[in-house]
């Protein structure tokens, strides 16, 4: 289950960030904002460095003790979602593909 989602430009301009209704937050709002403004552009730069050989990154996953963080390219922006750790890891690529098709 997706817990939280946010979207930012590749330069870290936050377009939206929202917790799923009824879900208790694990991180505070300031940390969520820093994720989109600072960590996201750095992660993108590191992921795109080998793209001339491997093609552009489609999605990335960071696993923490309590949740997965899923980064998905969406046009000129990036969607970040936190997902319950109880989900089967292989389903993360399915979630990433669904995010890519959102309008």
N, C-alpha and C. Protein backbone atom coordinates (compact mmCIF):
# COMPACT_ATOMS: atom_id res chain seq x y z
N UNK A 1 0.84 -1.17 0.00
CA UNK A 1 0.00 0.00 0.00
C UNK A 1 0.89 1.25 0.00
N UNK A 2 0.54 2.22 -0.83
CA UNK A 2 1.25 3.49 -0.86
C UNK A 2 0.83 4.31 0.36
N UNK A 3 1.82 4.80 1.09
CA UNK A 3 1.57 5.57 2.31
C UNK A 3 1.55 7.07 2.02
N UNK A 4 2.51 7.52 1.22
CA UNK A 4 2.71 8.94 0.96
C UNK A 4 3.19 9.08 -0.48
N UNK A 5 2.86 10.18 -1.12
CA UNK A 5 3.36 10.44 -2.46
C UNK A 5 3.67 11.91 -2.61
N UNK A 6 4.66 12.18 -3.42
CA UNK A 6 5.04 13.56 -3.72
C UNK A 6 5.55 13.62 -5.15
N UNK A 7 5.56 14.81 -5.70
CA UNK A 7 6.10 15.01 -7.04
C UNK A 7 6.92 16.29 -7.03
N UNK A 8 8.04 16.24 -7.72
CA UNK A 8 8.91 17.42 -7.82
C UNK A 8 9.52 17.46 -9.21
N UNK A 9 9.95 18.66 -9.59
CA UNK A 9 10.70 18.80 -10.83
C UNK A 9 12.08 18.19 -10.62
N UNK A 10 12.80 18.02 -11.67
CA UNK A 10 14.16 17.48 -11.57
C UNK A 10 15.11 18.42 -10.83
N UNK A 11 14.70 19.66 -10.64
CA UNK A 11 15.52 20.62 -9.91
C UNK A 11 15.09 20.75 -8.45
N UNK A 12 14.09 19.97 -8.04
CA UNK A 12 13.69 19.96 -6.64
C UNK A 12 12.55 20.90 -6.29
N UNK A 13 11.85 21.44 -7.28
CA UNK A 13 10.68 22.28 -6.99
C UNK A 13 9.51 21.36 -6.66
N UNK A 14 8.99 21.47 -5.47
CA UNK A 14 7.91 20.59 -5.00
C UNK A 14 6.60 20.97 -5.68
N UNK A 15 5.97 19.99 -6.33
CA UNK A 15 4.68 20.20 -6.98
C UNK A 15 3.53 19.76 -6.09
N UNK A 16 3.72 18.67 -5.36
CA UNK A 16 2.75 18.26 -4.34
C UNK A 16 3.41 17.23 -3.43
N UNK A 17 2.83 17.09 -2.25
CA UNK A 17 3.25 16.08 -1.28
C UNK A 17 2.07 15.81 -0.37
N UNK A 18 1.66 14.55 -0.29
CA UNK A 18 0.45 14.25 0.49
C UNK A 18 0.51 12.85 1.08
N UNK A 19 0.13 12.75 2.34
CA UNK A 19 0.00 11.48 3.03
C UNK A 19 -1.35 10.87 2.68
N UNK A 20 -1.38 9.57 2.54
CA UNK A 20 -2.65 8.88 2.29
C UNK A 20 -3.56 9.08 3.50
N UNK A 21 -4.83 9.42 3.27
CA UNK A 21 -5.76 9.64 4.39
C UNK A 21 -5.84 8.40 5.29
N UNK A 22 -5.85 8.66 6.58
CA UNK A 22 -5.98 7.59 7.56
C UNK A 22 -4.68 6.88 7.91
N UNK A 23 -3.57 7.27 7.29
CA UNK A 23 -2.27 6.64 7.56
C UNK A 23 -1.48 7.53 8.51
N UNK A 24 -0.90 6.93 9.53
CA UNK A 24 -0.08 7.68 10.48
C UNK A 24 1.30 7.89 9.86
N UNK A 25 1.77 9.13 9.88
CA UNK A 25 3.06 9.45 9.30
C UNK A 25 4.21 8.88 10.13
N UNK A 26 5.27 8.53 9.45
CA UNK A 26 6.49 8.06 10.11
C UNK A 26 7.50 9.21 10.17
N UNK A 27 7.59 9.97 9.08
CA UNK A 27 8.50 11.11 9.02
C UNK A 27 7.70 12.41 9.15
N UNK A 28 8.38 13.49 9.52
CA UNK A 28 7.65 14.76 9.62
C UNK A 28 7.63 15.48 8.27
N UNK A 29 6.79 16.49 8.15
CA UNK A 29 6.60 17.19 6.89
C UNK A 29 7.88 17.85 6.40
N UNK A 30 8.68 18.36 7.31
CA UNK A 30 9.95 19.00 6.90
C UNK A 30 10.88 17.98 6.24
N UNK A 31 10.93 16.78 6.77
CA UNK A 31 11.76 15.72 6.17
C UNK A 31 11.23 15.34 4.78
N UNK A 32 9.91 15.28 4.64
CA UNK A 32 9.32 14.98 3.33
C UNK A 32 9.68 16.05 2.31
N UNK A 33 9.65 17.31 2.74
CA UNK A 33 10.01 18.43 1.87
C UNK A 33 11.48 18.35 1.47
N UNK A 34 12.35 18.04 2.42
CA UNK A 34 13.78 17.91 2.12
C UNK A 34 14.05 16.75 1.15
N UNK A 35 13.28 15.69 1.28
CA UNK A 35 13.40 14.56 0.36
C UNK A 35 13.20 15.05 -1.07
N UNK A 36 12.14 15.81 -1.29
CA UNK A 36 11.82 16.28 -2.64
C UNK A 36 12.76 17.39 -3.12
N UNK A 37 13.17 18.28 -2.22
CA UNK A 37 13.99 19.42 -2.63
C UNK A 37 15.47 19.08 -2.75
N UNK A 38 16.00 18.25 -1.87
CA UNK A 38 17.45 18.03 -1.82
C UNK A 38 17.89 16.62 -2.21
N UNK A 39 17.29 15.62 -1.59
CA UNK A 39 17.73 14.25 -1.84
C UNK A 39 17.38 13.79 -3.24
N UNK A 40 16.20 14.17 -3.73
CA UNK A 40 15.74 13.73 -5.05
C UNK A 40 16.69 14.18 -6.16
N UNK A 41 17.05 15.47 -6.26
CA UNK A 41 17.97 15.86 -7.34
C UNK A 41 19.32 15.14 -7.27
N UNK A 42 19.83 14.92 -6.05
CA UNK A 42 21.10 14.22 -5.90
C UNK A 42 20.99 12.78 -6.37
N UNK A 43 19.92 12.10 -5.97
CA UNK A 43 19.71 10.72 -6.39
C UNK A 43 19.58 10.63 -7.91
N UNK A 44 18.86 11.59 -8.50
CA UNK A 44 18.69 11.60 -9.95
C UNK A 44 20.02 11.76 -10.67
N UNK A 45 20.81 12.70 -10.20
CA UNK A 45 22.12 12.92 -10.84
C UNK A 45 22.97 11.66 -10.79
N UNK A 46 22.99 11.00 -9.66
CA UNK A 46 23.79 9.77 -9.52
C UNK A 46 23.23 8.66 -10.40
N UNK A 47 21.91 8.56 -10.50
CA UNK A 47 21.30 7.52 -11.31
C UNK A 47 21.45 7.76 -12.80
N UNK A 48 21.54 9.02 -13.20
CA UNK A 48 21.61 9.34 -14.63
C UNK A 48 23.04 9.33 -15.18
N UNK A 49 24.02 9.30 -14.32
CA UNK A 49 25.42 9.32 -14.79
C UNK A 49 25.75 8.19 -15.76
N UNK A 50 25.36 6.94 -15.49
CA UNK A 50 25.69 5.87 -16.44
C UNK A 50 24.70 5.72 -17.59
N UNK A 51 23.75 6.67 -17.73
CA UNK A 51 22.67 6.49 -18.69
C UNK A 51 23.14 6.44 -20.14
N UNK A 52 24.29 7.01 -20.44
CA UNK A 52 24.77 6.93 -21.83
C UNK A 52 25.09 5.50 -22.23
N UNK A 53 25.35 4.65 -21.26
CA UNK A 53 25.63 3.24 -21.55
C UNK A 53 24.42 2.34 -21.28
N UNK A 54 23.66 2.70 -20.26
CA UNK A 54 22.59 1.80 -19.82
C UNK A 54 21.19 2.27 -20.17
N UNK A 55 21.05 3.48 -20.67
CA UNK A 55 19.74 4.06 -20.89
C UNK A 55 19.31 4.80 -19.64
N UNK A 56 18.28 5.65 -19.74
CA UNK A 56 17.86 6.44 -18.58
C UNK A 56 17.22 5.56 -17.51
N UNK A 57 17.38 5.97 -16.25
CA UNK A 57 16.74 5.20 -15.17
C UNK A 57 15.23 5.29 -15.28
N UNK A 58 14.56 4.17 -15.04
CA UNK A 58 13.10 4.13 -15.08
C UNK A 58 12.51 4.32 -13.69
N UNK A 59 13.11 3.66 -12.71
CA UNK A 59 12.69 3.85 -11.32
C UNK A 59 13.81 3.37 -10.41
N UNK A 60 13.74 3.80 -9.14
CA UNK A 60 14.72 3.38 -8.14
C UNK A 60 13.97 3.09 -6.85
N UNK A 61 14.52 2.20 -6.06
CA UNK A 61 13.92 1.84 -4.77
C UNK A 61 14.98 1.95 -3.69
N UNK A 62 14.62 2.59 -2.59
CA UNK A 62 15.47 2.62 -1.41
C UNK A 62 14.68 1.92 -0.31
N UNK A 63 15.28 0.92 0.30
CA UNK A 63 14.60 0.19 1.37
C UNK A 63 15.05 0.66 2.73
N UNK A 64 14.12 1.03 3.57
CA UNK A 64 14.38 1.40 4.95
C UNK A 64 13.76 0.34 5.85
N UNK A 65 14.01 0.42 7.13
CA UNK A 65 13.47 -0.57 8.06
C UNK A 65 11.95 -0.60 8.10
N UNK A 66 11.31 0.56 7.86
CA UNK A 66 9.85 0.64 8.00
C UNK A 66 9.10 0.79 6.69
N UNK A 67 9.77 1.16 5.59
CA UNK A 67 9.08 1.34 4.31
C UNK A 67 10.08 1.34 3.16
N UNK A 68 9.53 1.23 1.95
CA UNK A 68 10.31 1.41 0.73
C UNK A 68 10.03 2.81 0.22
N UNK A 69 11.04 3.44 -0.37
CA UNK A 69 10.87 4.70 -1.06
C UNK A 69 11.03 4.40 -2.54
N UNK A 70 10.04 4.73 -3.33
CA UNK A 70 10.01 4.42 -4.76
C UNK A 70 10.10 5.73 -5.54
N UNK A 71 11.11 5.84 -6.41
CA UNK A 71 11.32 7.02 -7.25
C UNK A 71 11.00 6.63 -8.68
N UNK A 72 10.11 7.39 -9.33
CA UNK A 72 9.66 7.04 -10.68
C UNK A 72 9.70 8.28 -11.57
N UNK A 73 10.37 8.16 -12.73
CA UNK A 73 10.35 9.25 -13.72
C UNK A 73 8.94 9.38 -14.26
N UNK A 74 8.47 10.63 -14.36
CA UNK A 74 7.13 10.90 -14.87
C UNK A 74 7.22 12.16 -15.72
N UNK A 75 7.52 11.99 -17.01
CA UNK A 75 7.73 13.13 -17.89
C UNK A 75 8.94 13.91 -17.43
N UNK A 76 8.76 15.22 -17.24
CA UNK A 76 9.85 16.07 -16.77
C UNK A 76 9.96 16.10 -15.26
N UNK A 77 9.14 15.34 -14.58
CA UNK A 77 9.11 15.34 -13.12
C UNK A 77 9.42 13.95 -12.57
N UNK A 78 9.51 13.89 -11.26
CA UNK A 78 9.76 12.63 -10.57
C UNK A 78 8.69 12.47 -9.49
N UNK A 79 8.10 11.29 -9.44
CA UNK A 79 7.16 10.95 -8.38
C UNK A 79 7.91 10.10 -7.37
N UNK A 80 7.71 10.43 -6.11
CA UNK A 80 8.28 9.65 -5.02
C UNK A 80 7.11 9.13 -4.19
N UNK A 81 7.14 7.85 -3.88
CA UNK A 81 6.09 7.26 -3.04
C UNK A 81 6.74 6.41 -1.96
N UNK A 82 6.19 6.47 -0.77
CA UNK A 82 6.62 5.52 0.25
C UNK A 82 5.58 4.40 0.28
N UNK A 83 6.08 3.18 0.38
CA UNK A 83 5.25 1.99 0.27
C UNK A 83 5.52 1.11 1.48
N UNK A 84 4.46 0.55 2.05
CA UNK A 84 4.60 -0.36 3.19
C UNK A 84 5.63 -1.44 2.90
N UNK A 85 6.41 -1.77 3.88
CA UNK A 85 7.45 -2.80 3.76
C UNK A 85 6.83 -4.20 3.62
N UNK A 86 5.55 -4.33 3.95
CA UNK A 86 4.89 -5.63 3.87
C UNK A 86 4.60 -6.07 2.43
N UNK A 87 4.71 -5.14 1.47
CA UNK A 87 4.43 -5.47 0.07
C UNK A 87 5.54 -6.38 -0.48
N UNK A 88 5.19 -7.25 -1.39
CA UNK A 88 6.20 -8.09 -2.03
C UNK A 88 7.08 -7.20 -2.90
N UNK A 89 8.38 -7.33 -2.75
CA UNK A 89 9.32 -6.44 -3.43
C UNK A 89 9.09 -6.40 -4.94
N UNK A 90 8.79 -7.54 -5.55
CA UNK A 90 8.62 -7.58 -7.01
C UNK A 90 7.42 -6.75 -7.48
N UNK A 91 6.49 -6.42 -6.59
CA UNK A 91 5.34 -5.60 -6.97
C UNK A 91 5.71 -4.12 -7.14
N UNK A 92 6.88 -3.72 -6.65
CA UNK A 92 7.28 -2.33 -6.77
C UNK A 92 7.44 -1.90 -8.23
N UNK A 93 7.91 -2.79 -9.09
CA UNK A 93 8.03 -2.43 -10.51
C UNK A 93 6.64 -2.27 -11.13
N UNK A 94 5.67 -3.04 -10.68
CA UNK A 94 4.30 -2.90 -11.17
C UNK A 94 3.72 -1.55 -10.74
N UNK A 95 3.98 -1.15 -9.50
CA UNK A 95 3.53 0.16 -9.02
C UNK A 95 4.19 1.26 -9.83
N UNK A 96 5.50 1.13 -10.07
CA UNK A 96 6.22 2.13 -10.86
C UNK A 96 5.62 2.27 -12.25
N UNK A 97 5.30 1.16 -12.89
CA UNK A 97 4.70 1.22 -14.23
C UNK A 97 3.33 1.89 -14.21
N UNK A 98 2.55 1.67 -13.17
CA UNK A 98 1.24 2.32 -13.06
C UNK A 98 1.39 3.82 -12.85
N UNK A 99 2.38 4.22 -12.06
CA UNK A 99 2.63 5.65 -11.85
C UNK A 99 2.99 6.32 -13.17
N UNK A 100 3.78 5.65 -13.99
CA UNK A 100 4.20 6.23 -15.27
C UNK A 100 3.02 6.51 -16.19
N UNK A 101 1.94 5.75 -16.05
CA UNK A 101 0.79 5.92 -16.94
C UNK A 101 -0.21 6.96 -16.44
N UNK A 102 -0.01 7.48 -15.23
CA UNK A 102 -0.93 8.49 -14.69
C UNK A 102 -0.86 9.76 -15.51
N UNK A 103 -1.99 10.41 -15.66
CA UNK A 103 -2.05 11.68 -16.42
C UNK A 103 -1.85 12.85 -15.49
